[in-house]
């Protein structure tokens, strides 16, 4: 856990709104509603008192949670990248090895969104971000990190567990068989392994056309292991991915 005490230096009014109050009920008298005004403010930087990773296999992996004064919240995963992960792991004295997004998490609300770091900063308050207010609809979910003494680990699979004592990372491979491989964080700061996950082989790709007016517009379907399926679009599918898919389809 890392503590800091930085008071907000800039507060801006994001929007204004109106809402109705009712006076407390008094016996023999009907409640009298009246109109009040309110504002939704945005402050930067936040007074972040601690950052911790929770819900993982150790104190060095899990969901990122921020404590701002007496409130605890997450980081909105939109636009989150590895440079942002590097800064967060620096705050707990380690290096970023990998990050992921827990799309199902919705117990706590994001404290910040649109985090943008260069990777060289030592605190996220040296980066840029915005603070959601009640009038903004933001994606549910949270960022999960693995912070270790080693650097980034490139893998084709999903992290299952990291043993901080033995420094072994267990990964479930992306294929049709339930295959697991292990990576070891060595004392020299590099990752070693005896076996890697085999990459997923895409057998075919096509568009399910929604309208005859557009020849190349529709939902993308891939054929893997003789089974057709779609691509999850949860924020990680952007313009670069669209370009690659279109090249694959038009090149056939």
Protein backbone atom coordinates (compact mmCIF):
# COMPACT_ATOMS: atom_id res chain seq x y z
CA UNK A 1 0.00 0.00 0.00
CA UNK A 2 1.24 3.46 -0.82
CA UNK A 3 0.08 6.61 0.98
CA UNK A 4 0.13 10.20 -0.15
CA UNK A 5 -1.53 13.45 0.77
CA UNK A 6 -2.15 15.76 -2.15
CA UNK A 7 -5.02 18.20 -1.85
CA UNK A 8 -7.06 19.08 -4.94
CA UNK A 9 -5.61 22.16 -6.61
CA UNK A 10 -8.20 22.69 -9.32
CA UNK A 11 -11.97 22.36 -9.05
CA UNK A 12 -14.19 22.95 -12.06
CA UNK A 13 -17.97 22.88 -12.46
CA UNK A 14 -18.83 20.15 -14.97
CA UNK A 15 -22.59 20.69 -15.05
CA UNK A 16 -25.53 22.08 -13.12
CA UNK A 17 -28.92 20.61 -12.40
CA UNK A 18 -32.09 21.09 -10.35
CA UNK A 19 -33.87 18.75 -7.99
CA UNK A 20 -36.82 18.84 -5.59
CA UNK A 21 -36.60 18.64 -1.80
CA UNK A 22 -39.45 17.99 0.58
CA UNK A 23 -39.53 19.57 4.00
CA UNK A 24 -39.60 17.14 6.94
CA UNK A 25 -43.13 15.96 7.71
CA UNK A 26 -44.90 17.95 10.42
CA UNK A 27 -48.04 16.49 11.92
CA UNK A 28 -51.14 18.18 10.56
CA UNK A 29 -49.25 19.73 7.64
CA UNK A 30 -48.51 18.41 4.16
CA UNK A 31 -44.84 18.32 3.07
CA UNK A 32 -43.96 21.42 1.06
CA UNK A 33 -41.67 20.61 -1.89
CA UNK A 34 -39.30 23.29 -3.09
CA UNK A 35 -36.80 23.58 -5.90
CA UNK A 36 -33.07 23.62 -5.19
CA UNK A 37 -30.02 23.95 -7.41
CA UNK A 38 -26.96 21.74 -7.44
CA UNK A 39 -23.66 21.37 -9.28
CA UNK A 40 -21.50 18.42 -10.25
CA UNK A 41 -17.86 19.34 -9.62
CA UNK A 42 -14.62 17.84 -10.83
CA UNK A 43 -11.41 18.13 -8.81
CA UNK A 44 -7.83 17.42 -9.90
CA UNK A 45 -5.70 16.04 -8.42
CA UNK A 46 -7.64 13.93 -5.92
CA UNK A 47 -6.45 13.56 -2.35
CA UNK A 48 -5.49 9.89 -2.77
CA UNK A 49 -4.49 8.55 0.65
CA UNK A 50 -3.71 4.97 -0.47
CA UNK A 51 -3.57 2.61 -3.43
CA UNK A 52 -3.89 -1.13 -3.00
CA UNK A 53 -4.50 -4.34 -4.97
CA UNK A 54 -7.31 -6.50 -3.60
CA UNK A 55 -9.08 -9.72 -4.51
CA UNK A 56 -6.00 -11.39 -6.01
CA UNK A 57 -3.73 -14.20 -4.89
CA UNK A 58 -1.41 -11.83 -2.97
CA UNK A 59 -0.99 -8.17 -2.04
CA UNK A 60 0.79 -7.66 -5.36
CA UNK A 61 -1.97 -8.61 -7.75
CA UNK A 62 -5.66 -7.88 -7.92
CA UNK A 63 -8.15 -5.10 -8.46
CA UNK A 64 -6.84 -1.55 -8.13
CA UNK A 65 -8.64 0.37 -5.37
CA UNK A 66 -8.07 4.00 -4.45
CA UNK A 67 -8.90 5.58 -1.11
CA UNK A 68 -9.84 9.23 -1.34
CA UNK A 69 -10.45 10.57 2.15
CA UNK A 70 -13.09 8.16 3.53
CA UNK A 71 -14.23 6.75 0.17
CA UNK A 72 -12.91 3.74 -1.75
CA UNK A 73 -13.29 3.35 -5.49
CA UNK A 74 -11.77 1.83 -8.60
CA UNK A 75 -10.20 3.07 -11.83
CA UNK A 76 -12.44 3.13 -14.88
CA UNK A 77 -10.83 0.82 -17.47
CA UNK A 78 -11.54 3.02 -20.46
CA UNK A 79 -8.32 3.97 -22.32
CA UNK A 80 -6.20 2.19 -19.66
CA UNK A 81 -2.86 0.97 -21.02
CA UNK A 82 0.46 -0.47 -19.87
CA UNK A 83 2.01 2.94 -19.18
CA UNK A 84 -0.75 3.58 -16.63
CA UNK A 85 -0.07 0.17 -15.08
CA UNK A 86 3.63 1.02 -14.75
CA UNK A 87 2.91 4.12 -12.68
CA UNK A 88 0.45 2.32 -10.37
CA UNK A 89 2.94 -0.48 -9.70
CA UNK A 90 5.66 2.11 -9.01
CA UNK A 91 3.42 3.49 -6.28
CA UNK A 92 3.71 0.16 -4.41
CA UNK A 93 7.43 -0.16 -5.16
CA UNK A 94 7.33 -2.76 -7.97
CA UNK A 95 7.26 -3.09 -11.75
CA UNK A 96 4.17 -3.71 -13.87
CA UNK A 97 4.08 -7.20 -15.34
CA UNK A 98 0.58 -7.33 -16.80
CA UNK A 99 -2.87 -5.80 -16.50
CA UNK A 100 -6.37 -6.89 -17.31
CA UNK A 101 -9.93 -5.64 -16.95
CA UNK A 102 -12.58 -7.22 -14.75
CA UNK A 103 -15.68 -6.40 -16.79
CA UNK A 104 -18.10 -7.96 -14.31
CA UNK A 105 -17.03 -5.94 -11.27
CA UNK A 106 -19.60 -3.36 -10.17
CA UNK A 107 -19.48 -3.26 -6.36
CA UNK A 108 -17.53 -0.01 -6.22
CA UNK A 109 -17.64 2.98 -8.53
CA UNK A 110 -14.63 4.39 -10.43
CA UNK A 111 -12.91 7.32 -8.73
CA UNK A 112 -11.06 8.34 -11.89
CA UNK A 113 -11.41 7.78 -15.62
CA UNK A 114 -9.44 8.61 -18.77
CA UNK A 115 -6.13 7.98 -16.97
CA UNK A 116 -3.19 9.00 -19.14
CA UNK A 117 0.40 8.38 -17.97
CA UNK A 118 3.71 8.43 -19.80
CA UNK A 119 5.08 5.55 -17.72
CA UNK A 120 7.83 7.75 -16.27
CA UNK A 121 5.76 9.34 -13.51
CA UNK A 122 5.99 8.12 -9.91
CA UNK A 123 2.38 8.90 -8.96
CA UNK A 124 -0.88 9.03 -10.91
CA UNK A 125 -1.36 12.62 -9.75
CA UNK A 126 1.55 13.40 -12.09
CA UNK A 127 -0.57 12.01 -14.92
CA UNK A 128 -3.81 13.36 -16.30
CA UNK A 129 -7.28 12.00 -15.55
CA UNK A 130 -10.85 13.09 -15.01
CA UNK A 131 -13.15 12.41 -12.09
CA UNK A 132 -16.59 11.02 -12.93
CA UNK A 133 -19.63 12.86 -11.66
CA UNK A 134 -23.22 11.71 -11.29
CA UNK A 135 -24.21 13.00 -14.73
CA UNK A 136 -21.64 10.92 -16.61
CA UNK A 137 -22.42 7.35 -17.60
CA UNK A 138 -19.21 5.36 -17.22
CA UNK A 139 -18.39 1.75 -17.94
CA UNK A 140 -18.66 -0.71 -15.11
CA UNK A 141 -15.62 -2.80 -14.33
CA UNK A 142 -12.22 -2.32 -12.77
CA UNK A 143 -8.54 -2.61 -13.62
CA UNK A 144 -6.56 -5.58 -12.29
CA UNK A 145 -2.76 -5.59 -12.08
CA UNK A 146 0.17 -7.90 -11.45
CA UNK A 147 3.14 -6.05 -9.94
CA UNK A 148 6.44 -7.94 -9.53
CA UNK A 149 10.20 -7.42 -9.35
CA UNK A 150 10.33 -8.37 -13.04
CA UNK A 151 9.12 -6.36 -15.99
CA UNK A 152 6.39 -6.98 -18.50
CA UNK A 153 5.47 -10.59 -19.28
CA UNK A 154 4.17 -11.30 -22.77
CA UNK A 155 1.78 -14.22 -22.84
CA UNK A 156 -1.08 -15.65 -24.86
CA UNK A 157 -3.37 -16.62 -22.04
CA UNK A 158 -5.05 -15.58 -18.80
CA UNK A 159 -3.35 -15.24 -15.44
CA UNK A 160 -4.65 -17.83 -12.96
CA UNK A 161 -2.45 -17.23 -9.90
CA UNK A 162 0.86 -15.67 -8.91
CA UNK A 163 2.85 -17.12 -6.00
CA UNK A 164 4.84 -14.22 -4.56
CA UNK A 165 7.01 -16.57 -2.48
CA UNK A 166 8.13 -18.82 -5.34
CA UNK A 167 7.70 -16.02 -7.92
CA UNK A 168 5.83 -18.38 -10.24
CA UNK A 169 3.02 -17.20 -12.48
CA UNK A 170 0.46 -19.78 -13.65
CA UNK A 171 -1.25 -18.99 -16.95
CA UNK A 172 -4.25 -20.65 -18.59
CA UNK A 173 -3.74 -20.77 -22.34
CA UNK A 174 -6.20 -19.49 -24.94
CA UNK A 175 -6.98 -22.69 -26.82
CA UNK A 176 -9.49 -25.50 -26.98
CA UNK A 177 -7.69 -27.58 -24.37
CA UNK A 178 -7.41 -26.73 -20.68
CA UNK A 179 -3.67 -26.09 -20.79
CA UNK A 180 -1.58 -24.35 -18.14
CA UNK A 181 2.00 -23.08 -18.31
CA UNK A 182 4.25 -21.43 -15.74
CA UNK A 183 6.50 -18.38 -15.90
CA UNK A 184 9.14 -17.65 -13.28
CA UNK A 185 10.29 -14.18 -12.21
CA UNK A 186 14.08 -14.58 -11.98
CA UNK A 187 16.40 -12.64 -9.67
CA UNK A 188 17.87 -10.77 -12.65
CA UNK A 189 14.48 -9.20 -13.36
CA UNK A 190 13.56 -11.33 -16.38
CA UNK A 191 10.88 -13.98 -16.94
CA UNK A 192 11.76 -17.58 -17.75
CA UNK A 193 9.57 -20.45 -18.92
CA UNK A 194 9.89 -24.01 -20.19
CA UNK A 195 6.77 -23.96 -22.35
CA UNK A 196 4.67 -21.23 -23.91
CA UNK A 197 1.00 -21.11 -24.80
CA UNK A 198 0.40 -21.92 -28.43
CA UNK A 199 -1.27 -19.05 -30.28
CA UNK A 200 -4.91 -19.32 -31.29
CA UNK A 201 -5.29 -20.26 -34.97
CA UNK A 202 -8.05 -18.36 -36.80
CA UNK A 203 -9.37 -20.69 -39.50
CA UNK A 204 -11.72 -18.22 -41.16
CA UNK A 205 -13.32 -14.80 -40.76
CA UNK A 206 -16.41 -13.14 -42.23
CA UNK A 207 -18.95 -10.37 -41.70
CA UNK A 208 -22.57 -11.01 -40.88
CA UNK A 209 -24.10 -8.30 -43.05
CA UNK A 210 -26.82 -6.28 -41.35
CA UNK A 211 -27.98 -4.38 -44.43
CA UNK A 212 -27.66 -5.01 -48.15
CA UNK A 213 -26.82 -1.33 -48.58
CA UNK A 214 -23.34 -1.87 -47.10
CA UNK A 215 -21.18 -4.64 -48.53
CA UNK A 216 -18.52 -4.45 -45.83
CA UNK A 217 -20.51 -3.51 -42.73
CA UNK A 218 -21.65 -6.02 -40.14
CA UNK A 219 -20.71 -8.00 -37.06
CA UNK A 220 -17.40 -9.88 -37.17
CA UNK A 221 -17.36 -13.66 -36.77
CA UNK A 222 -14.25 -15.84 -36.43
CA UNK A 223 -13.86 -19.58 -36.88
CA UNK A 224 -11.60 -21.17 -34.26
CA UNK A 225 -11.37 -24.92 -33.66
CA UNK A 226 -14.22 -25.41 -36.17
CA UNK A 227 -16.55 -23.19 -34.11
CA UNK A 228 -17.83 -19.75 -35.17
CA UNK A 229 -17.96 -16.96 -32.60
CA UNK A 230 -17.79 -13.17 -32.20
CA UNK A 231 -15.23 -10.70 -30.83
CA UNK A 232 -15.84 -9.04 -27.48
CA UNK A 233 -15.97 -5.26 -27.99
CA UNK A 234 -15.30 -4.23 -24.37
CA UNK A 235 -13.31 -1.03 -24.96
CA UNK A 236 -10.14 -2.87 -26.12
CA UNK A 237 -11.40 -3.11 -29.72
CA UNK A 238 -10.50 0.14 -31.44
CA UNK A 239 -9.45 1.66 -34.75
CA UNK A 240 -6.25 -0.38 -35.01
CA UNK A 241 -8.13 -3.63 -34.52
CA UNK A 242 -10.79 -2.56 -37.02
CA UNK A 243 -8.10 -1.90 -39.63
CA UNK A 244 -6.57 -5.36 -39.20
CA UNK A 245 -9.96 -7.10 -39.42
CA UNK A 246 -10.91 -5.18 -42.57
CA UNK A 247 -7.58 -6.10 -44.18
CA UNK A 248 -8.18 -9.78 -43.34
CA UNK A 249 -11.67 -9.70 -44.86
CA UNK A 250 -10.89 -7.73 -48.04
CA UNK A 251 -7.65 -9.68 -48.64
CA UNK A 252 -9.49 -13.00 -49.03
